[in-house]
Protein backbone atom coordinates (compact mmCIF):
# COMPACT_ATOMS: atom_id res chain seq x y z
CA MET A 1 27.76 -41.84 -59.36
CA ASN A 2 30.56 -39.28 -59.36
CA LYS A 3 32.03 -37.38 -56.46
CA GLN A 4 29.83 -34.31 -56.99
CA ASP A 5 26.67 -36.42 -56.84
CA ASN A 6 27.87 -37.95 -53.57
CA ILE A 7 28.39 -34.50 -52.08
CA GLN A 8 24.87 -33.41 -53.13
CA THR A 9 23.39 -36.59 -51.62
CA VAL A 10 25.11 -35.94 -48.30
CA ARG A 11 23.87 -32.35 -48.29
CA ARG A 12 20.30 -33.51 -48.78
CA ARG A 13 20.43 -35.65 -45.64
CA GLU A 14 18.90 -33.72 -42.80
CA PRO A 15 19.96 -34.51 -39.23
CA ILE A 16 17.33 -36.19 -37.06
CA THR A 17 15.42 -33.67 -34.97
CA ASP A 18 14.98 -33.84 -31.19
CA THR A 19 11.31 -34.74 -31.68
CA GLN A 20 12.14 -37.62 -34.02
CA LEU A 21 14.90 -38.90 -31.75
CA LEU A 22 12.69 -38.96 -28.64
CA LEU A 23 9.89 -40.62 -30.63
CA THR A 24 12.29 -43.35 -31.78
CA ILE A 25 13.44 -43.95 -28.21
CA THR A 26 9.84 -44.23 -26.96
CA ILE A 27 8.82 -46.72 -29.65
CA CYS A 28 11.93 -48.85 -29.09
CA ILE A 29 11.36 -48.97 -25.33
CA PHE A 30 7.68 -49.90 -25.74
CA VAL A 31 8.43 -52.67 -28.24
CA SER A 32 11.26 -54.03 -26.07
CA MET A 33 9.08 -53.94 -22.96
CA TYR A 34 6.15 -55.69 -24.66
CA VAL A 35 8.35 -58.37 -26.25
CA LEU A 36 10.01 -58.96 -22.87
CA ALA A 37 6.57 -59.33 -21.27
CA MET A 38 5.62 -61.87 -23.95
CA LEU A 39 8.78 -63.90 -23.30
CA ILE A 40 8.70 -63.80 -19.48
CA TRP A 41 5.01 -63.74 -18.58
CA GLY A 42 3.55 -65.07 -21.84
CA GLY A 43 -0.14 -65.86 -21.37
CA GLY A 44 -2.28 -62.87 -22.22
CA PHE A 45 0.62 -60.85 -23.63
CA ARG A 46 0.91 -63.32 -26.50
CA LYS A 47 -2.73 -62.78 -27.49
CA PRO A 48 -3.61 -59.82 -29.74
CA GLN A 49 -6.63 -59.14 -27.53
CA MET A 50 -4.29 -57.93 -24.77
CA LEU A 51 -3.15 -55.04 -26.96
CA PHE A 52 -6.74 -54.31 -28.00
CA ASP A 53 -7.81 -54.33 -24.34
CA MET A 54 -5.14 -51.72 -23.63
CA LEU A 55 -6.57 -49.57 -26.40
CA ASN A 56 -10.17 -50.18 -25.29
CA ASP A 57 -9.43 -49.21 -21.68
CA ASN A 58 -7.30 -46.19 -22.56
CA ALA A 59 -9.06 -44.71 -25.60
CA PHE A 60 -10.22 -41.70 -23.58
CA LEU A 61 -6.70 -41.27 -22.13
CA ILE A 62 -5.20 -41.25 -25.64
CA ILE A 63 -7.54 -38.40 -26.59
CA ILE A 64 -6.85 -36.19 -23.57
CA SER A 65 -3.13 -36.95 -23.89
CA CYS A 66 -3.29 -35.57 -27.44
CA GLY A 67 -4.77 -32.37 -26.01
CA LEU A 68 -2.05 -32.20 -23.35
CA THR A 69 0.59 -32.71 -26.03
CA ILE A 70 -0.68 -29.68 -27.93
CA VAL A 71 -0.60 -27.34 -24.91
CA MET A 72 2.72 -28.74 -23.66
CA ILE A 73 4.32 -28.13 -27.06
CA THR A 74 3.38 -24.45 -26.62
CA GLY A 75 5.05 -24.48 -23.20
CA SER A 76 1.76 -24.48 -21.27
CA ILE A 77 -0.12 -27.05 -19.17
CA ASP A 78 -3.73 -28.10 -18.50
CA ILE A 79 -4.60 -30.17 -15.43
CA SER A 80 -8.38 -29.75 -15.77
CA VAL A 81 -8.74 -32.44 -18.44
CA GLY A 82 -9.59 -35.23 -16.00
CA GLY A 83 -12.30 -33.16 -14.31
CA VAL A 84 -13.80 -32.13 -17.66
CA THR A 85 -13.81 -35.76 -18.80
CA ALA A 86 -15.64 -36.86 -15.64
CA LEU A 87 -18.15 -33.99 -15.90
CA VAL A 88 -18.95 -34.80 -19.53
CA ALA A 89 -19.41 -38.48 -18.66
CA MET A 90 -21.83 -37.62 -15.83
CA VAL A 91 -23.88 -35.21 -17.96
CA GLY A 92 -23.93 -37.69 -20.83
CA VAL A 93 -25.20 -40.55 -18.64
CA MET A 94 -27.91 -38.32 -17.17
CA ILE A 95 -29.07 -37.34 -20.66
CA LEU A 96 -29.22 -41.00 -21.65
CA ASN A 97 -31.18 -41.75 -18.46
CA GLY A 98 -33.63 -38.92 -19.08
CA ASN A 99 -32.71 -37.22 -15.80
CA LEU A 100 -32.28 -33.78 -17.42
CA GLY A 101 -35.77 -32.41 -18.03
CA LEU A 102 -34.72 -29.95 -20.74
CA PHE A 103 -33.77 -32.73 -23.13
CA ASN A 104 -36.82 -34.83 -22.25
CA GLY A 105 -39.13 -31.99 -23.30
CA LEU A 106 -37.11 -31.32 -26.45
CA ILE A 107 -37.14 -34.97 -27.53
CA ALA A 108 -40.89 -35.25 -26.83
CA SER A 109 -41.78 -32.03 -28.66
CA LEU A 110 -39.77 -33.03 -31.76
CA GLY A 111 -41.10 -36.57 -31.73
CA LEU A 112 -37.62 -38.09 -31.68
CA GLY A 113 -36.73 -41.62 -30.62
CA GLU A 114 -34.70 -42.55 -27.55
CA GLN A 115 -31.61 -43.05 -29.73
CA TRP A 116 -31.46 -39.29 -30.21
CA ARG A 117 -30.36 -39.00 -26.60
CA ILE A 118 -26.96 -40.20 -27.79
CA VAL A 119 -26.78 -37.27 -30.24
CA PHE A 120 -27.71 -34.76 -27.52
CA ALA A 121 -25.15 -36.30 -25.17
CA LEU A 122 -22.45 -35.90 -27.84
CA LEU A 123 -23.44 -32.28 -28.50
CA MET A 124 -23.31 -31.49 -24.77
CA ALA A 125 -19.89 -33.15 -24.54
CA LEU A 126 -18.55 -30.90 -27.29
CA LEU A 127 -20.16 -27.79 -25.78
CA ILE A 128 -18.79 -28.47 -22.29
CA GLY A 129 -15.31 -29.12 -23.63
CA LEU A 130 -15.38 -25.99 -25.77
CA ALA A 131 -16.66 -23.90 -22.84
CA PHE A 132 -13.76 -24.94 -20.61
CA GLY A 133 -11.25 -24.45 -23.42
CA LEU A 134 -12.69 -21.05 -24.30
CA VAL A 135 -12.65 -19.65 -20.75
CA GLN A 136 -9.31 -21.10 -19.74
CA GLY A 137 -7.69 -20.20 -23.04
CA TYR A 138 -8.84 -16.59 -22.74
CA LEU A 139 -7.60 -16.23 -19.16
CA ILE A 140 -4.23 -17.83 -19.97
CA ALA A 141 -3.53 -16.30 -23.38
CA CYS A 142 -5.18 -12.89 -23.16
CA LEU A 143 -4.90 -12.05 -19.44
CA GLN A 144 -1.50 -13.78 -19.05
CA ILE A 145 -2.51 -15.73 -15.93
CA GLN A 146 -0.43 -18.78 -15.03
CA PRO A 147 -1.92 -21.84 -16.76
CA PHE A 148 -1.35 -24.09 -13.75
CA ILE A 149 -3.50 -21.84 -11.53
CA ILE A 150 -6.28 -21.44 -14.09
CA THR A 151 -6.52 -25.12 -15.00
CA LEU A 152 -6.30 -26.12 -11.33
CA ALA A 153 -9.34 -23.95 -10.71
CA GLY A 154 -10.98 -25.54 -13.76
CA MET A 155 -10.34 -29.01 -12.35
CA PHE A 156 -11.94 -28.11 -9.00
CA PHE A 157 -14.87 -26.44 -10.76
CA ALA A 158 -15.54 -29.49 -12.96
CA ARG A 159 -15.31 -31.92 -10.04
CA GLY A 160 -17.59 -29.70 -7.96
CA MET A 161 -20.15 -29.45 -10.76
CA ILE A 162 -20.40 -33.24 -10.88
CA THR A 163 -21.59 -33.42 -7.26
CA ILE A 164 -23.99 -30.52 -7.81
CA ILE A 165 -25.57 -32.25 -10.82
CA SER A 166 -25.91 -35.58 -9.03
CA VAL A 167 -24.55 -36.89 -5.75
CA ASP A 168 -25.51 -40.48 -6.56
CA PRO A 169 -23.69 -42.57 -9.18
CA GLN A 170 -25.56 -42.89 -12.47
CA LYS A 171 -25.88 -45.85 -14.82
CA ALA A 172 -26.87 -45.48 -18.47
CA PRO A 173 -29.78 -47.61 -19.79
CA GLN A 174 -28.63 -50.91 -21.25
CA GLU A 175 -30.50 -50.55 -24.57
CA LEU A 176 -28.58 -47.37 -25.39
CA MET A 177 -25.29 -48.78 -24.10
CA ASP A 178 -25.72 -51.76 -26.43
CA ILE A 179 -25.50 -49.25 -29.29
CA LEU A 180 -22.52 -47.37 -27.86
CA GLN A 181 -20.59 -50.46 -26.78
CA ASN A 182 -20.96 -52.32 -30.05
CA ARG A 183 -17.51 -53.82 -30.73
CA ILE A 184 -15.74 -54.39 -34.02
CA GLU A 185 -14.65 -58.01 -34.41
CA ILE A 186 -11.36 -58.85 -36.15
CA ALA A 187 -11.46 -62.58 -36.84
CA TRP A 188 -7.95 -62.96 -38.29
CA LEU A 189 -6.43 -61.60 -35.06
CA GLY A 190 -8.41 -63.96 -32.86
CA SER A 191 -7.01 -66.56 -30.49
CA PRO A 192 -8.33 -69.94 -29.27
CA ASN A 193 -9.90 -70.34 -25.84
CA LYS A 194 -9.39 -73.32 -23.50
CA LYS A 195 -11.77 -75.41 -25.59
CA GLY A 196 -9.93 -74.60 -28.81
CA VAL A 197 -12.67 -72.33 -30.17
CA MET A 198 -11.35 -69.28 -32.02
CA ILE A 199 -12.42 -66.04 -30.34
CA PRO A 200 -12.06 -62.97 -32.58
CA ALA A 201 -10.28 -59.89 -31.29
CA ARG A 202 -12.71 -57.13 -30.31
CA MET A 203 -12.16 -53.39 -30.54
CA GLU A 204 -14.49 -50.68 -29.25
CA ILE A 205 -15.72 -47.78 -31.37
CA GLY A 206 -13.94 -45.44 -28.96
CA VAL A 207 -10.60 -46.79 -30.16
CA ILE A 208 -11.45 -45.77 -33.73
CA VAL A 209 -12.29 -42.29 -32.44
CA ALA A 210 -9.02 -42.11 -30.49
CA LEU A 211 -6.89 -43.21 -33.45
CA ALA A 212 -8.71 -40.71 -35.68
CA VAL A 213 -7.89 -37.97 -33.15
CA VAL A 214 -4.22 -39.01 -33.16
CA PHE A 215 -4.13 -38.83 -36.96
CA LEU A 216 -5.87 -35.43 -37.10
CA VAL A 217 -3.66 -33.91 -34.39
CA TYR A 218 -0.55 -35.29 -36.14
CA PHE A 219 -1.68 -33.69 -39.39
CA LEU A 220 -2.41 -30.43 -37.55
CA LEU A 221 1.02 -30.31 -35.92
CA ARG A 222 3.04 -31.39 -38.94
CA ARG A 223 1.20 -30.09 -41.98
CA THR A 224 -0.47 -26.80 -40.98
CA GLN A 225 0.72 -23.30 -40.22
CA LEU A 226 -1.07 -23.39 -36.86
CA GLY A 227 0.83 -26.54 -35.89
CA ARG A 228 4.15 -24.95 -36.77
CA GLY A 229 3.04 -21.97 -34.70
CA PHE A 230 2.58 -24.21 -31.67
CA TYR A 231 6.19 -25.38 -31.95
CA ALA A 232 7.44 -21.85 -32.53
CA VAL A 233 5.66 -20.47 -29.47
CA GLY A 234 6.90 -23.32 -27.29
CA GLY A 235 10.45 -22.99 -28.55
CA ASN A 236 10.83 -19.23 -28.05
CA GLN A 237 7.99 -16.75 -27.83
CA GLN A 238 10.16 -13.77 -28.79
CA SER A 239 11.44 -15.52 -31.89
CA ALA A 240 7.88 -16.56 -32.73
CA LEU A 241 6.78 -12.92 -32.56
CA MET A 242 9.60 -11.91 -34.87
CA LEU A 243 8.46 -14.60 -37.32
CA GLY A 244 4.99 -13.08 -37.36
CA VAL A 245 3.26 -15.66 -35.15
CA ASN A 246 0.38 -14.33 -33.06
CA VAL A 247 1.47 -15.79 -29.72
CA ARG A 248 -1.72 -15.01 -27.80
CA LYS A 249 -3.99 -16.42 -30.49
CA THR A 250 -1.83 -19.54 -30.80
CA ARG A 251 -1.85 -20.22 -27.05
CA PHE A 252 -5.60 -19.58 -26.94
CA LEU A 253 -6.27 -22.06 -29.75
CA ALA A 254 -4.05 -24.66 -28.06
CA HIS A 255 -6.17 -24.56 -24.89
CA LEU A 256 -9.39 -24.42 -26.92
CA LEU A 257 -8.41 -27.60 -28.75
CA CYS A 258 -7.40 -29.24 -25.48
CA GLY A 259 -10.82 -28.45 -24.01
CA LEU A 260 -12.59 -29.80 -27.08
CA LEU A 261 -10.59 -33.03 -26.95
CA SER A 262 -11.42 -33.36 -23.24
CA GLY A 263 -15.11 -33.19 -24.15
CA ILE A 264 -14.67 -35.91 -26.78
CA ALA A 265 -12.69 -37.98 -24.27
CA GLY A 266 -15.55 -37.68 -21.77
CA PHE A 267 -18.00 -39.04 -24.32
CA VAL A 268 -15.64 -41.93 -25.17
CA PHE A 269 -15.21 -42.62 -21.45
CA MET A 270 -19.01 -42.79 -21.10
CA MET A 271 -19.16 -45.17 -24.07
CA HIS A 272 -16.67 -47.47 -22.36
CA THR A 273 -18.02 -47.45 -18.80
CA GLY A 274 -21.67 -46.43 -19.17
CA ALA A 275 -21.45 -44.83 -15.73
CA GLY A 276 -21.39 -41.36 -14.25
CA ASN A 277 -19.53 -40.90 -10.98
CA ALA A 278 -17.68 -38.16 -9.14
CA THR A 279 -14.59 -40.40 -9.03
CA ASN A 280 -14.51 -41.02 -12.79
CA ALA A 281 -11.19 -40.35 -14.56
CA THR A 282 -9.38 -39.86 -11.26
CA ALA A 283 -5.72 -38.88 -11.87
CA ALA A 284 -6.38 -38.92 -15.63
CA GLU A 285 -4.63 -35.55 -16.00
CA MET A 286 -1.49 -36.92 -14.32
CA ASN A 287 -1.51 -40.03 -16.52
CA ALA A 288 -2.00 -37.86 -19.60
CA ILE A 289 0.95 -35.63 -18.67
CA ALA A 290 3.08 -38.72 -17.94
CA SER A 291 2.09 -40.26 -21.29
CA SER A 292 3.04 -37.10 -23.14
CA ILE A 293 6.40 -36.89 -21.39
CA ILE A 294 7.14 -40.58 -21.98
CA GLY A 295 6.16 -40.00 -25.61
CA GLY A 296 8.88 -37.36 -25.97
CA THR A 297 7.04 -34.10 -25.24
CA LEU A 298 9.13 -31.70 -23.18
CA LEU A 299 7.58 -29.66 -20.36
CA THR A 300 9.69 -26.71 -21.53
CA GLY A 301 7.83 -26.70 -24.87
CA GLY A 302 8.85 -26.73 -28.50
CA VAL A 303 9.38 -30.51 -28.73
CA GLY A 304 6.73 -33.21 -28.99
CA ASN A 305 5.02 -35.74 -31.23
CA VAL A 306 1.49 -37.07 -30.88
CA ILE A 307 2.55 -40.49 -32.21
CA GLY A 308 4.97 -40.68 -29.30
CA THR A 309 2.09 -39.77 -26.99
CA LEU A 310 0.12 -42.76 -28.28
CA PHE A 311 3.06 -45.04 -27.50
CA GLY A 312 3.44 -43.28 -24.15
CA VAL A 313 -0.11 -44.33 -23.21
CA LEU A 314 0.59 -47.90 -24.37
CA THR A 315 3.85 -47.95 -22.39
CA LEU A 316 2.09 -46.90 -19.19
CA SER A 317 -0.63 -49.48 -19.78
CA THR A 318 1.98 -52.19 -20.41
CA ILE A 319 3.75 -51.33 -17.15
CA LYS A 320 0.48 -51.61 -15.22
CA SER A 321 -0.32 -54.94 -16.89
CA ILE A 322 3.13 -56.29 -16.04
CA VAL A 323 2.77 -55.20 -12.40
CA THR A 324 -0.66 -56.84 -12.15
CA THR A 325 0.53 -60.03 -13.86
CA SER A 326 3.46 -60.21 -11.44
CA GLY A 327 0.99 -60.49 -8.56
CA LEU A 328 1.49 -56.94 -7.24
CA ARG A 329 -2.19 -55.98 -7.33
CA ASP A 330 -2.06 -53.24 -4.72
CA PRO A 331 -2.66 -49.84 -6.41
CA TRP A 332 0.41 -48.20 -4.92
CA TRP A 333 2.69 -50.57 -6.84
CA GLN A 334 1.31 -49.19 -10.09
CA SER A 335 1.90 -45.65 -8.81
CA ILE A 336 5.47 -46.50 -7.82
CA THR A 337 6.30 -48.08 -11.17
CA THR A 338 4.64 -45.24 -13.10
CA GLY A 339 6.61 -42.66 -11.12
CA ALA A 340 9.85 -44.57 -11.62
CA MET A 341 9.24 -44.88 -15.37
CA LEU A 342 8.39 -41.17 -15.61
CA CYS A 343 11.61 -40.20 -13.80
CA PHE A 344 13.56 -42.55 -16.07
CA PHE A 345 12.20 -40.93 -19.22
CA ILE A 346 12.78 -37.39 -17.93
CA VAL A 347 16.40 -38.20 -17.07
CA LEU A 348 16.85 -40.02 -20.39
CA GLN A 349 15.47 -37.06 -22.35
CA SER A 350 17.71 -34.63 -20.48
CA VAL A 351 20.85 -36.72 -21.03
CA VAL A 352 20.12 -37.28 -24.73
CA LEU A 353 19.36 -33.63 -25.44
CA MET A 354 22.41 -32.41 -23.47
CA ARG A 355 24.71 -34.72 -25.43
CA ARG A 356 23.18 -33.57 -28.71
CA ALA A 357 23.67 -29.93 -27.72
CA LYS A 358 27.34 -30.57 -26.86
CA ASN A 359 27.90 -32.38 -30.16
CA LYS A 360 26.40 -29.43 -32.06
CA GLU A 361 28.69 -27.02 -30.23
CA LYS A 362 31.74 -29.11 -31.15
CA LYS A 363 30.75 -29.06 -34.83
């Protein structure tokens, strides 16, 4: 290879972006933390089922965190996602129970089996999520109202609707939950129990849904014009306008997608718990925001990666597992460690990005 070829090779190398750098940091910290937990605490951390349990318990959180990542990339926010998730779960359980007369009459008139209640519950989940996304997106994008205020109102509205629909906690019928909670067994990732019998690793269907959402959102953000528009709007709205991006439409679609994903998350939450309760998904919006930030999404917009969000959820879950394994079972210890980790990542992101900006100025 001659000198000219070397020069062309160097020119082809593109510098790592802020998004890629923050993603790399998140993955490295998660892997280091999990390996450290395996070495110090051992036990469950050395079994593959521990990782699958994290995914099973947090599948709904992964989905709403993907929605938060989209709106945060545009420089917006949505704190109604936890309320929407809980509302969808309550409505879904009541449909499965037959406590909503409209669906009972429809199923009877069409001669459908009880399994069709699952289909109606899924349709209602999508409709509720789309309704919240549609209304909030219009008020934020078209009427230019502060997203925090609008989504705060949406959160209160969703939580209030739960108590109006049903004051008492609801439990889905077991025969339908047996269908929804059917787990996928992975024998080659199993581990022996105390008697030496191999127990296969088990993964819920909701995890497949969550991973599919991560893949689709990643493709949307990285491979479509709309995804590039999200980054452009979050980076600089004036520059986005000059590039021909419809800022209002882009912000509207971001909140619409976030609402839709909240509806899907509510259905996945119902699949996991089989219960409807006014306290469902409490603080889920805060955990989703924290997961997005830990995953490298900036609150200022323009920077973020949904793969990092996935690892952000796993990092939070690992921290909670470490705290519990250490014997600190009181809930405030988890809150303290989560807050400390969130502050650490925010400071780390700020320091890294400031140093990169200074280095660019020097060049």
